[in-house]
Amino acid sequence: RWGTSVGKALFELEVVKVDTAARPPWSAAIRRSLILFGLPTVGALIEAVSETVAALGNIGDIITVASLPLLAFLLLHGSLRTPGKRAPWDRGSGTMVRYRGRQR
């Protein structure tokens, strides 16, 4: 509704397209979310299916738990070692996070 999350509103950040510096279109926003939340979602889906299929074991739990430190590492790596300080989900969707400009 407001085009931001609670954390981004608190720190006055916004997600914009790199080439236009405008609000990203739905396709870029969805691609960014899929890259960011894809691995934990796959882990949760596998966990839900593994309750009915015993052969999968705890693979879903392992993927979900391992994805959280991986995402934190990727964010840290992006902020310290990547030109433009863009995380993989921003590079993959053509977006960047910046401080919000003045409202006109």
PDB file of N, CA and C in Angstrom:
ATOM      1  N   ARG A   1       0.825  -1.196   0.000  1.00  0.00           N
ATOM      2  CA  ARG A   1       0.000   0.000   0.000  1.00  0.00           C
ATOM      3  C   ARG A   1       0.863   1.251   0.000  1.00  0.00           C
ATOM      4  N   TRP A   2       1.878   1.297   0.851  1.00  0.00           N
ATOM      5  CA  TRP A   2       2.715   2.482   0.933  1.00  0.00           C
ATOM      6  C   TRP A   2       4.014   2.321   0.143  1.00  0.00           C
ATOM      7  N   GLY A   3       4.243   1.175  -0.432  1.00  0.00           N
ATOM      8  CA  GLY A   3       5.426   0.965  -1.261  1.00  0.00           C
ATOM      9  C   GLY A   3       6.707   0.784  -0.479  1.00  0.00           C
ATOM     10  N   THR A   4       6.613   0.417   0.790  1.00  0.00           N
ATOM     11  CA  THR A   4       7.804   0.230   1.605  1.00  0.00           C
ATOM     12  C   THR A   4       7.500  -0.737   2.739  1.00  0.00           C
ATOM     13  N   SER A   5       8.534  -1.215   3.383  1.00  0.00           N
ATOM     14  CA  SER A   5       8.358  -2.061   4.567  1.00  0.00           C
ATOM     15  C   SER A   5       8.525  -1.186   5.808  1.00  0.00           C
ATOM     16  N   VAL A   6       8.268  -1.758   6.964  1.00  0.00           N
ATOM     17  CA  VAL A   6       8.391  -1.002   8.207  1.00  0.00           C
ATOM     18  C   VAL A   6       9.842  -0.560   8.413  1.00  0.00           C
ATOM     19  N   GLY A   7      10.789  -1.467   8.162  1.00  0.00           N
ATOM     20  CA  GLY A   7      12.200  -1.133   8.343  1.00  0.00           C
ATOM     21  C   GLY A   7      12.673  -0.056   7.383  1.00  0.00           C
ATOM     22  N   LYS A   8      12.254  -0.154   6.140  1.00  0.00           N
ATOM     23  CA  LYS A   8      12.658   0.857   5.159  1.00  0.00           C
ATOM     24  C   LYS A   8      12.013   2.211   5.489  1.00  0.00           C
ATOM     25  N   ALA A   9      10.796   2.224   5.979  1.00  0.00           N
ATOM     26  CA  ALA A   9      10.156   3.475   6.374  1.00  0.00           C
ATOM     27  C   ALA A   9      10.857   4.078   7.589  1.00  0.00           C
ATOM     28  N   LEU A  10      11.252   3.238   8.531  1.00  0.00           N
ATOM     29  CA  LEU A  10      11.926   3.710   9.736  1.00  0.00           C
ATOM     30  C   LEU A  10      13.260   4.361   9.405  1.00  0.00           C
ATOM     31  N   PHE A  11      14.024   3.756   8.503  1.00  0.00           N
ATOM     32  CA  PHE A  11      15.338   4.287   8.144  1.00  0.00           C
ATOM     33  C   PHE A  11      15.304   5.176   6.905  1.00  0.00           C
ATOM     34  N   GLU A  12      14.098   5.488   6.421  1.00  0.00           N
ATOM     35  CA  GLU A  12      13.881   6.343   5.259  1.00  0.00           C
ATOM     36  C   GLU A  12      14.659   5.848   4.042  1.00  0.00           C
ATOM     37  N   LEU A  13      14.465   4.570   3.714  1.00  0.00           N
ATOM     38  CA  LEU A  13      15.077   3.942   2.545  1.00  0.00           C
ATOM     39  C   LEU A  13      13.996   3.641   1.525  1.00  0.00           C
ATOM     40  N   GLU A  14      14.405   3.510   0.265  1.00  0.00           N
ATOM     41  CA  GLU A  14      13.469   3.129  -0.784  1.00  0.00           C
ATOM     42  C   GLU A  14      14.189   2.246  -1.791  1.00  0.00           C
ATOM     43  N   VAL A  15      13.426   1.402  -2.478  1.00  0.00           N
ATOM     44  CA  VAL A  15      13.949   0.558  -3.539  1.00  0.00           C
ATOM     45  C   VAL A  15      13.596   1.234  -4.851  1.00  0.00           C
ATOM     46  N   VAL A  16      14.615   1.441  -5.713  1.00  0.00           N
ATOM     47  CA  VAL A  16      14.401   2.098  -7.001  1.00  0.00           C
ATOM     48  C   VAL A  16      15.113   1.308  -8.094  1.00  0.00           C
ATOM     49  N   LYS A  17      14.685   1.518  -9.344  1.00  0.00           N
ATOM     50  CA  LYS A  17      15.383   0.944 -10.492  1.00  0.00           C
ATOM     51  C   LYS A  17      16.713   1.664 -10.656  1.00  0.00           C
ATOM     52  N   VAL A  18      17.746   0.927 -11.042  1.00  0.00           N
ATOM     53  CA  VAL A  18      19.067   1.517 -11.194  1.00  0.00           C
ATOM     54  C   VAL A  18      19.100   2.499 -12.364  1.00  0.00           C
ATOM     55  N   ASP A  19      18.483   2.139 -13.474  1.00  0.00           N
ATOM     56  CA  ASP A  19      18.589   2.965 -14.672  1.00  0.00           C
ATOM     57  C   ASP A  19      17.678   4.195 -14.665  1.00  0.00           C
ATOM     58  N   THR A  20      16.541   4.146 -13.981  1.00  0.00           N
ATOM     59  CA  THR A  20      15.612   5.278 -14.003  1.00  0.00           C
ATOM     60  C   THR A  20      15.500   6.007 -12.667  1.00  0.00           C
ATOM     61  N   ALA A  21      15.974   5.423 -11.587  1.00  0.00           N
ATOM     62  CA  ALA A  21      15.858   5.981 -10.231  1.00  0.00           C
ATOM     63  C   ALA A  21      14.406   6.215  -9.840  1.00  0.00           C
ATOM     64  N   ALA A  22      13.488   5.475 -10.466  1.00  0.00           N
ATOM     65  CA  ALA A  22      12.070   5.558 -10.128  1.00  0.00           C
ATOM     66  C   ALA A  22      11.649   4.265  -9.439  1.00  0.00           C
ATOM     67  N   ARG A  23      10.451   4.270  -8.918  1.00  0.00           N
ATOM     68  CA  ARG A  23       9.913   3.078  -8.275  1.00  0.00           C
ATOM     69  C   ARG A  23       9.940   1.913  -9.275  1.00  0.00           C
ATOM     70  N   PRO A  24      10.410   0.738  -8.855  1.00  0.00           N
ATOM     71  CA  PRO A  24      10.508  -0.380  -9.805  1.00  0.00           C
ATOM     72  C   PRO A  24       9.130  -0.878 -10.235  1.00  0.00           C
ATOM     73  N   PRO A  25       9.025  -1.386 -11.463  1.00  0.00           N
ATOM     74  CA  PRO A  25       7.748  -1.963 -11.890  1.00  0.00           C
ATOM     75  C   PRO A  25       7.484  -3.267 -11.139  1.00  0.00           C
ATOM     76  N   TRP A  26       6.254  -3.749 -11.242  1.00  0.00           N
ATOM     77  CA  TRP A  26       5.874  -4.974 -10.540  1.00  0.00           C
ATOM     78  C   TRP A  26       6.788  -6.136 -10.892  1.00  0.00           C
ATOM     79  N   SER A  27       7.177  -6.241 -12.165  1.00  0.00           N
ATOM     80  CA  SER A  27       8.010  -7.370 -12.585  1.00  0.00           C
ATOM     81  C   SER A  27       9.356  -7.370 -11.863  1.00  0.00           C
ATOM     82  N   ALA A  28       9.972  -6.206 -11.718  1.00  0.00           N
ATOM     83  CA  ALA A  28      11.250  -6.119 -11.009  1.00  0.00           C
ATOM     84  C   ALA A  28      11.072  -6.375  -9.514  1.00  0.00           C
ATOM     85  N   ALA A  29       9.980  -5.880  -8.950  1.00  0.00           N
ATOM     86  CA  ALA A  29       9.732  -6.096  -7.524  1.00  0.00           C
ATOM     87  C   ALA A  29       9.478  -7.572  -7.221  1.00  0.00           C
ATOM     88  N   ILE A  30       8.743  -8.236  -8.099  1.00  0.00           N
ATOM     89  CA  ILE A  30       8.483  -9.664  -7.905  1.00  0.00           C
ATOM     90  C   ILE A  30       9.767 -10.465  -8.084  1.00  0.00           C
ATOM     91  N   ARG A  31      10.566 -10.119  -9.103  1.00  0.00           N
ATOM     92  CA  ARG A  31      11.836 -10.820  -9.320  1.00  0.00           C
ATOM     93  C   ARG A  31      12.750 -10.648  -8.112  1.00  0.00           C
ATOM     94  N   ARG A  32      12.809  -9.427  -7.542  1.00  0.00           N
ATOM     95  CA  ARG A  32      13.635  -9.165  -6.362  1.00  0.00           C
ATOM     96  C   ARG A  32      13.173 -10.020  -5.182  1.00  0.00           C
ATOM     97  N   SER A  33      11.871 -10.098  -4.981  1.00  0.00           N
ATOM     98  CA  SER A  33      11.331 -10.894  -3.873  1.00  0.00           C
ATOM     99  C   SER A  33      11.581 -12.382  -4.078  1.00  0.00           C
ATOM    100  N   LEU A  34      11.451 -12.854  -5.306  1.00  0.00           N
ATOM    101  CA  LEU A  34      11.698 -14.273  -5.575  1.00  0.00           C
ATOM    102  C   LEU A  34      13.151 -14.648  -5.311  1.00  0.00           C
ATOM    103  N   ILE A  35      14.074 -13.774  -5.698  1.00  0.00           N
ATOM    104  CA  ILE A  35      15.484 -14.053  -5.449  1.00  0.00           C
ATOM    105  C   ILE A  35      15.764 -14.017  -3.951  1.00  0.00           C
ATOM    106  N   LEU A  36      15.194 -13.054  -3.255  1.00  0.00           N
ATOM    107  CA  LEU A  36      15.440 -12.893  -1.819  1.00  0.00           C
ATOM    108  C   LEU A  36      14.802 -14.003  -0.994  1.00  0.00           C
ATOM    109  N   PHE A  37      13.539 -14.318  -1.276  1.00  0.00           N
ATOM    110  CA  PHE A  37      12.810 -15.267  -0.443  1.00  0.00           C
ATOM    111  C   PHE A  37      12.670 -16.650  -1.062  1.00  0.00           C
ATOM    112  N   GLY A  38      13.301 -16.878  -2.202  1.00  0.00           N
ATOM    113  CA  GLY A  38      13.138 -18.149  -2.911  1.00  0.00           C
ATOM    114  C   GLY A  38      13.623 -19.349  -2.129  1.00  0.00           C
ATOM    115  N   LEU A  39      14.857 -19.295  -1.631  1.00  0.00           N
ATOM    116  CA  LEU A  39      15.425 -20.452  -0.935  1.00  0.00           C
ATOM    117  C   LEU A  39      14.681 -20.786   0.362  1.00  0.00           C
ATOM    118  N   PRO A  40      14.372 -19.805   1.237  1.00  0.00           N
ATOM    119  CA  PRO A  40      13.591 -20.153   2.426  1.00  0.00           C
ATOM    120  C   PRO A  40      12.199 -20.689   2.092  1.00  0.00           C
ATOM    121  N   THR A  41      11.592 -20.172   1.032  1.00  0.00           N
ATOM    122  CA  THR A  41      10.269 -20.654   0.637  1.00  0.00           C
ATOM    123  C   THR A  41      10.333 -22.083   0.132  1.00  0.00           C
ATOM    124  N   VAL A  42      11.352 -22.395  -0.660  1.00  0.00           N
ATOM    125  CA  VAL A  42      11.528 -23.774  -1.137  1.00  0.00           C
ATOM    126  C   VAL A  42      11.737 -24.708   0.046  1.00  0.00           C
ATOM    127  N   GLY A  43      12.520 -24.281   1.019  1.00  0.00           N
ATOM    128  CA  GLY A  43      12.733 -25.107   2.214  1.00  0.00           C
ATOM    129  C   GLY A  43      11.446 -25.355   2.976  1.00  0.00           C
ATOM    130  N   ALA A  44      10.618 -24.328   3.104  1.00  0.00           N
ATOM    131  CA  ALA A  44       9.339 -24.481   3.800  1.00  0.00           C
ATOM    132  C   ALA A  44       8.397 -25.395   3.020  1.00  0.00           C
ATOM    133  N   LEU A  45       8.392 -25.278   1.691  1.00  0.00           N
ATOM    134  CA  LEU A  45       7.544 -26.156   0.878  1.00  0.00           C
ATOM    135  C   LEU A  45       7.995 -27.608   0.971  1.00  0.00           C
ATOM    136  N   ILE A  46       9.299 -27.830   0.931  1.00  0.00           N
ATOM    137  CA  ILE A  46       9.812 -29.196   1.070  1.00  0.00           C
ATOM    138  C   ILE A  46       9.458 -29.746   2.444  1.00  0.00           C
ATOM    139  N   GLU A  47       9.548 -28.912   3.465  1.00  0.00           N
ATOM    140  CA  GLU A  47       9.179 -29.362   4.817  1.00  0.00           C
ATOM    141  C   GLU A  47       7.706 -29.732   4.889  1.00  0.00           C
ATOM    142  N   ALA A  48       6.858 -28.959   4.234  1.00  0.00           N
ATOM    143  CA  ALA A  48       5.425 -29.268   4.234  1.00  0.00           C
ATOM    144  C   ALA A  48       5.149 -30.564   3.502  1.00  0.00           C
ATOM    145  N   VAL A  49       5.853 -30.803   2.401  1.00  0.00           N
ATOM    146  CA  VAL A  49       5.663 -32.046   1.646  1.00  0.00           C
ATOM    147  C   VAL A  49       6.285 -33.228   2.383  1.00  0.00           C
ATOM    148  N   SER A  50       7.389 -32.986   3.097  1.00  0.00           N
ATOM    149  CA  SER A  50       8.083 -34.093   3.763  1.00  0.00           C
ATOM    150  C   SER A  50       7.267 -34.687   4.909  1.00  0.00           C
ATOM    151  N   GLU A  51       6.260 -33.956   5.375  1.00  0.00           N
ATOM    152  CA  GLU A  51       5.405 -34.527   6.401  1.00  0.00           C
ATOM    153  C   GLU A  51       4.584 -35.691   5.850  1.00  0.00           C
ATOM    154  N   THR A  52       4.310 -35.658   4.548  1.00  0.00           N
ATOM    155  CA  THR A  52       3.560 -36.751   3.932  1.00  0.00           C
ATOM    156  C   THR A  52       4.472 -37.749   3.230  1.00  0.00           C
ATOM    157  N   VAL A  53       5.647 -37.312   2.786  1.00  0.00           N
ATOM    158  CA  VAL A  53       6.596 -38.200   2.110  1.00  0.00           C
ATOM    159  C   VAL A  53       7.790 -38.388   3.037  1.00  0.00           C
ATOM    160  N   ALA A  54       7.892 -39.548   3.632  1.00  0.00           N
ATOM    161  CA  ALA A  54       8.924 -39.796   4.632  1.00  0.00           C
ATOM    162  C   ALA A  54      10.324 -39.840   4.034  1.00  0.00           C
ATOM    163  N   ALA A  55      10.458 -40.065   2.737  1.00  0.00           N
ATOM    164  CA  ALA A  55      11.778 -40.190   2.110  1.00  0.00           C
ATOM    165  C   ALA A  55      12.552 -38.876   2.121  1.00  0.00           C
ATOM    166  N   LEU A  56      11.860 -37.742   2.227  1.00  0.00           N
ATOM    167  CA  LEU A  56      12.549 -36.452   2.196  1.00  0.00           C
ATOM    168  C   LEU A  56      13.245 -36.126   3.507  1.00  0.00           C
ATOM    169  N   GLY A  57      12.808 -36.715   4.590  1.00  0.00           N
ATOM    170  CA  GLY A  57      13.453 -36.496   5.882  1.00  0.00           C
ATOM    171  C   GLY A  57      13.392 -35.050   6.331  1.00  0.00           C
ATOM    172  N   ASN A  58      14.539 -34.537   6.776  1.00  0.00           N
ATOM    173  CA  ASN A  58      14.629 -33.168   7.292  1.00  0.00           C
ATOM    174  C   ASN A  58      15.280 -32.209   6.301  1.00  0.00           C
ATOM    175  N   ILE A  59      15.225 -32.511   5.035  1.00  0.00           N
ATOM    176  CA  ILE A  59      15.870 -31.669   4.029  1.00  0.00           C
ATOM    177  C   ILE A  59      15.277 -30.254   4.052  1.00  0.00           C
ATOM    178  N   GLY A  60      13.969 -30.133   4.197  1.00  0.00           N
ATOM    179  CA  GLY A  60      13.333 -28.819   4.238  1.00  0.00           C
ATOM    180  C   GLY A  60      13.822 -27.981   5.394  1.00  0.00           C
ATOM    181  N   ASP A  61      13.959 -28.597   6.569  1.00  0.00           N
ATOM    182  CA  ASP A  61      14.480 -27.878   7.733  1.00  0.00           C
ATOM    183  C   ASP A  61      15.912 -27.416   7.482  1.00  0.00           C
ATOM    184  N   ILE A  62      16.709 -28.282   6.910  1.00  0.00           N
ATOM    185  CA  ILE A  62      18.111 -27.952   6.653  1.00  0.00           C
ATOM    186  C   ILE A  62      18.209 -26.779   5.676  1.00  0.00           C
ATOM    187  N   ILE A  63      17.428 -26.812   4.610  1.00  0.00           N
ATOM    188  CA  ILE A  63      17.460 -25.724   3.630  1.00  0.00           C
ATOM    189  C   ILE A  63      16.995 -24.422   4.258  1.00  0.00           C
ATOM    190  N   THR A  64      15.924 -24.468   5.014  1.00  0.00           N
ATOM    191  CA  THR A  64      15.394 -23.248   5.633  1.00  0.00           C
ATOM    192  C   THR A  64      16.379 -22.659   6.631  1.00  0.00           C
ATOM    193  N   VAL A  65      16.933 -23.489   7.491  1.00  0.00           N
ATOM    194  CA  VAL A  65      17.858 -23.003   8.517  1.00  0.00           C
ATOM    195  C   VAL A  65      19.164 -22.528   7.888  1.00  0.00           C
ATOM    196  N   ALA A  66      19.644 -23.214   6.865  1.00  0.00           N
ATOM    197  CA  ALA A  66      20.897 -22.815   6.223  1.00  0.00           C
ATOM    198  C   ALA A  66      20.736 -21.553   5.383  1.00  0.00           C
ATOM    199  N   SER A  67      19.533 -21.273   4.910  1.00  0.00           N
ATOM    200  CA  SER A  67      19.348 -20.108   4.050  1.00  0.00           C
ATOM    201  C   SER A  67      19.450 -18.791   4.820  1.00  0.00           C
ATOM    202  N   LEU A  68      19.122 -18.789   6.093  1.00  0.00           N
ATOM    203  CA  LEU A  68      19.164 -17.541   6.862  1.00  0.00           C
ATOM    204  C   LEU A  68      20.581 -17.000   7.029  1.00  0.00           C
ATOM    205  N   PRO A  69      21.559 -17.820   7.467  1.00  0.00           N
ATOM    206  CA  PRO A  69      22.927 -17.280   7.513  1.00  0.00           C
ATOM    207  C   PRO A  69      23.486 -16.996   6.118  1.00  0.00           C
ATOM    208  N   LEU A  70      23.054 -17.772   5.123  1.00  0.00           N
ATOM    209  CA  LEU A  70      23.501 -17.518   3.757  1.00  0.00           C
ATOM    210  C   LEU A  70      23.032 -16.148   3.277  1.00  0.00           C
ATOM    211  N   LEU A  71      21.767 -15.807   3.532  1.00  0.00           N
ATOM    212  CA  LEU A  71      21.253 -14.492   3.147  1.00  0.00           C
ATOM    213  C   LEU A  71      21.977 -13.371   3.894  1.00  0.00           C
ATOM    214  N   ALA A  72      22.270 -13.590   5.169  1.00  0.00           N
ATOM    215  CA  ALA A  72      23.013 -12.585   5.937  1.00  0.00           C
ATOM    216  C   ALA A  72      24.424 -12.416   5.376  1.00  0.00           C
ATOM    217  N   PHE A  73      25.066 -13.521   5.007  1.00  0.00           N
ATOM    218  CA  PHE A  73      26.400 -13.444   4.412  1.00  0.00           C
ATOM    219  C   PHE A  73      26.362 -12.723   3.068  1.00  0.00           C
ATOM    220  N   LEU A  74      25.367 -13.035   2.233  1.00  0.00           N
ATOM    221  CA  LEU A  74      25.260 -12.377   0.931  1.00  0.00           C
ATOM    222  C   LEU A  74      25.019 -10.879   1.076  1.00  0.00           C
ATOM    223  N   LEU A  75      24.238 -10.487   2.060  1.00  0.00           N
ATOM    224  CA  LEU A  75      24.012  -9.064   2.315  1.00  0.00           C
ATOM    225  C   LEU A  75      25.295  -8.393   2.785  1.00  0.00           C
ATOM    226  N   LEU A  76      26.021  -9.037   3.682  1.00  0.00           N
ATOM    227  CA  LEU A  76      27.284  -8.498   4.168  1.00  0.00           C
ATOM    228  C   LEU A  76      28.298  -8.402   3.035  1.00  0.00           C
ATOM    229  N   HIS A  77      28.385  -9.453   2.222  1.00  0.00           N
ATOM    230  CA  HIS A  77      29.306  -9.443   1.088  1.00  0.00           C
ATOM    231  C   HIS A  77      28.945  -8.329   0.110  1.00  0.00           C
ATOM    232  N   GLY A  78      27.658  -8.168  -0.163  1.00  0.00           N
ATOM    233  CA  GLY A  78      27.230  -7.111  -1.075  1.00  0.00           C
ATOM    234  C   GLY A  78      27.551  -5.730  -0.564  1.00  0.00           C
ATOM    235  N   SER A  79      27.425  -5.531   0.738  1.00  0.00           N
ATOM    236  CA  SER A  79      27.667  -4.196   1.287  1.00  0.00           C
ATOM    237  C   SER A  79      29.147  -3.887   1.442  1.00  0.00           C
ATOM    238  N   LEU A  80      29.987  -4.923   1.557  1.00  0.00           N
ATOM    239  CA  LEU A  80      31.410  -4.674   1.764  1.00  0.00           C
ATOM    240  C   LEU A  80      32.254  -4.826   0.500  1.00  0.00           C
ATOM    241  N   ARG A  81      31.900  -5.765  -0.383  1.00  0.00           N
ATOM    242  CA  ARG A  81      32.802  -6.125  -1.464  1.00  0.00           C
ATOM    243  C   ARG A  81      32.269  -5.889  -2.874  1.00  0.00           C
ATOM    244  N   THR A  82      31.047  -5.439  -3.011  1.00  0.00           N
ATOM    245  CA  THR A  82      30.440  -5.295  -4.331  1.00  0.00           C
ATOM    246  C   THR A  82      30.375  -3.821  -4.721  1.00  0.00           C
ATOM    247  N   PRO A  83      30.764  -3.487  -5.955  1.00  0.00           N
ATOM    248  CA  PRO A  83      30.605  -2.096  -6.391  1.00  0.00           C
ATOM    249  C   PRO A  83      29.132  -1.680  -6.352  1.00  0.00           C
ATOM    250  N   GLY A  84      28.878  -0.521  -5.817  1.00  0.00           N
ATOM    251  CA  GLY A  84      27.511  -0.047  -5.685  1.00  0.00           C
ATOM    252  C   GLY A  84      26.813  -0.593  -4.459  1.00  0.00           C
ATOM    253  N   LYS A  85      27.488  -1.467  -3.705  1.00  0.00           N
ATOM    254  CA  LYS A  85      26.953  -2.047  -2.461  1.00  0.00           C
ATOM    255  C   LYS A  85      25.569  -2.650  -2.653  1.00  0.00           C
ATOM    256  N   ARG A  86      25.406  -3.401  -3.750  1.00  0.00           N
ATOM    257  CA  ARG A  86      24.118  -4.011  -4.060  1.00  0.00           C
ATOM    258  C   ARG A  86      24.165  -5.498  -3.769  1.00  0.00           C
ATOM    259  N   ALA A  87      23.138  -5.983  -3.096  1.00  0.00           N
ATOM    260  CA  ALA A  87      23.010  -7.396  -2.778  1.00  0.00           C
ATOM    261  C   ALA A  87      22.636  -8.178  -4.040  1.00  0.00           C
ATOM    262  N   PRO A  88      22.791  -9.503  -4.035  1.00  0.00           N
ATOM    263  CA  PRO A  88      22.461 -10.297  -5.232  1.00  0.00           C
ATOM    264  C   PRO A  88      21.024 -10.124  -5.701  1.00  0.00           C
ATOM    265  N   TRP A  89      20.077  -9.968  -4.775  1.00  0.00           N
ATOM    266  CA  TRP A  89      18.686  -9.805  -5.197  1.00  0.00           C
ATOM    267  C   TRP A  89      18.470  -8.440  -5.859  1.00  0.00           C
ATOM    268  N   ASP A  90      19.278  -7.446  -5.521  1.00  0.00           N
ATOM    269  CA  ASP A  90      19.186  -6.158  -6.201  1.00  0.00           C
ATOM    270  C   ASP A  90      19.867  -6.216  -7.575  1.00  0.00           C
ATOM    271  N   ARG A  91      21.010  -6.879  -7.651  1.00  0.00           N
ATOM    272  CA  ARG A  91      21.689  -7.007  -8.941  1.00  0.00           C
ATOM    273  C   ARG A  91      20.852  -7.829  -9.906  1.00  0.00           C
ATOM    274  N   GLY A  92      20.198  -8.881  -9.415  1.00  0.00           N
ATOM    275  CA  GLY A  92      19.388  -9.738 -10.270  1.00  0.00           C
ATOM    276  C   GLY A  92      18.119  -9.078 -10.778  1.00  0.00           C
ATOM    277  N   SER A  93      17.619  -8.099 -10.059  1.00  0.00           N
ATOM    278  CA  SER A  93      16.373  -7.447 -10.472  1.00  0.00           C
ATOM    279  C   SER A  93      16.590  -6.045 -11.032  1.00  0.00           C
ATOM    280  N   GLY A  94      17.838  -5.568 -11.043  1.00  0.00           N
ATOM    281  CA  GLY A  94      18.113  -4.242 -11.579  1.00  0.00           C
ATOM    282  C   GLY A  94      17.659  -3.121 -10.671  1.00  0.00           C
ATOM    283  N   THR A  95      17.652  -3.369  -9.366  1.00  0.00           N
ATOM    284  CA  THR A  95      17.219  -2.358  -8.403  1.00  0.00           C
ATOM    285  C   THR A  95      18.354  -2.018  -7.457  1.00  0.00           C
ATOM    286  N   MET A  96      18.123  -1.000  -6.641  1.00  0.00           N
ATOM    287  CA  MET A  96      19.047  -0.656  -5.569  1.00  0.00           C
ATOM    288  C   MET A  96      18.258  -0.020  -4.436  1.00  0.00           C
ATOM    289  N   VAL A  97      18.833  -0.059  -3.248  1.00  0.00           N
ATOM    290  CA  VAL A  97      18.230   0.568  -2.079  1.00  0.00           C
ATOM    291  C   VAL A  97      18.991   1.851  -1.818  1.00  0.00           C
ATOM    292  N   ARG A  98      18.268   2.949  -1.638  1.00  0.00           N
ATOM    293  CA  ARG A  98      18.912   4.234  -1.389  1.00  0.00           C
ATOM    294  C   ARG A  98      18.108   4.993  -0.343  1.00  0.00           C
ATOM    295  N   TYR A  99      18.734   6.053   0.171  1.00  0.00           N
ATOM    296  CA  TYR A  99      18.012   6.921   1.088  1.00  0.00           C
ATOM    297  C   TYR A  99      16.932   7.658   0.311  1.00  0.00           C
ATOM    298  N   ARG A 100      15.769   7.771   0.920  1.00  0.00           N
ATOM    299  CA  ARG A 100      14.643   8.434   0.274  1.00  0.00           C
ATOM    300  C   ARG A 100      14.934   9.911   0.098  1.00  0.00           C
ATOM    301  N   GLY A 101      14.631  10.424  -1.075  1.00  0.00           N
ATOM    302  CA  GLY A 101      14.827  11.844  -1.357  1.00  0.00           C
ATOM    303  C   GLY A 101      13.699  12.669  -0.763  1.00  0.00           C
ATOM    304  N   ARG A 102      13.757  13.939  -0.975  1.00  0.00           N
ATOM    305  CA  ARG A 102      12.695  14.824  -0.480  1.00  0.00           C
ATOM    306  C   ARG A 102      11.405  14.561  -1.218  1.00  0.00           C
ATOM    307  N   GLN A 103      10.302  14.678  -0.504  1.00  0.00           N
ATOM    308  CA  GLN A 103       8.994  14.551  -1.112  1.00  0.00           C
ATOM    309  C   GLN A 103       8.613  15.888  -1.728  1.00  0.00           C
ATOM    310  N   ARG A 104       8.137  15.854  -2.955  1.00  0.00           N
ATOM    311  CA  ARG A 104       7.768  17.107  -3.623  1.00  0.00           C
ATOM    312  C   ARG A 104       6.312  17.381  -3.464  1.00  0.00           C
TER     313      ARG A 104
END
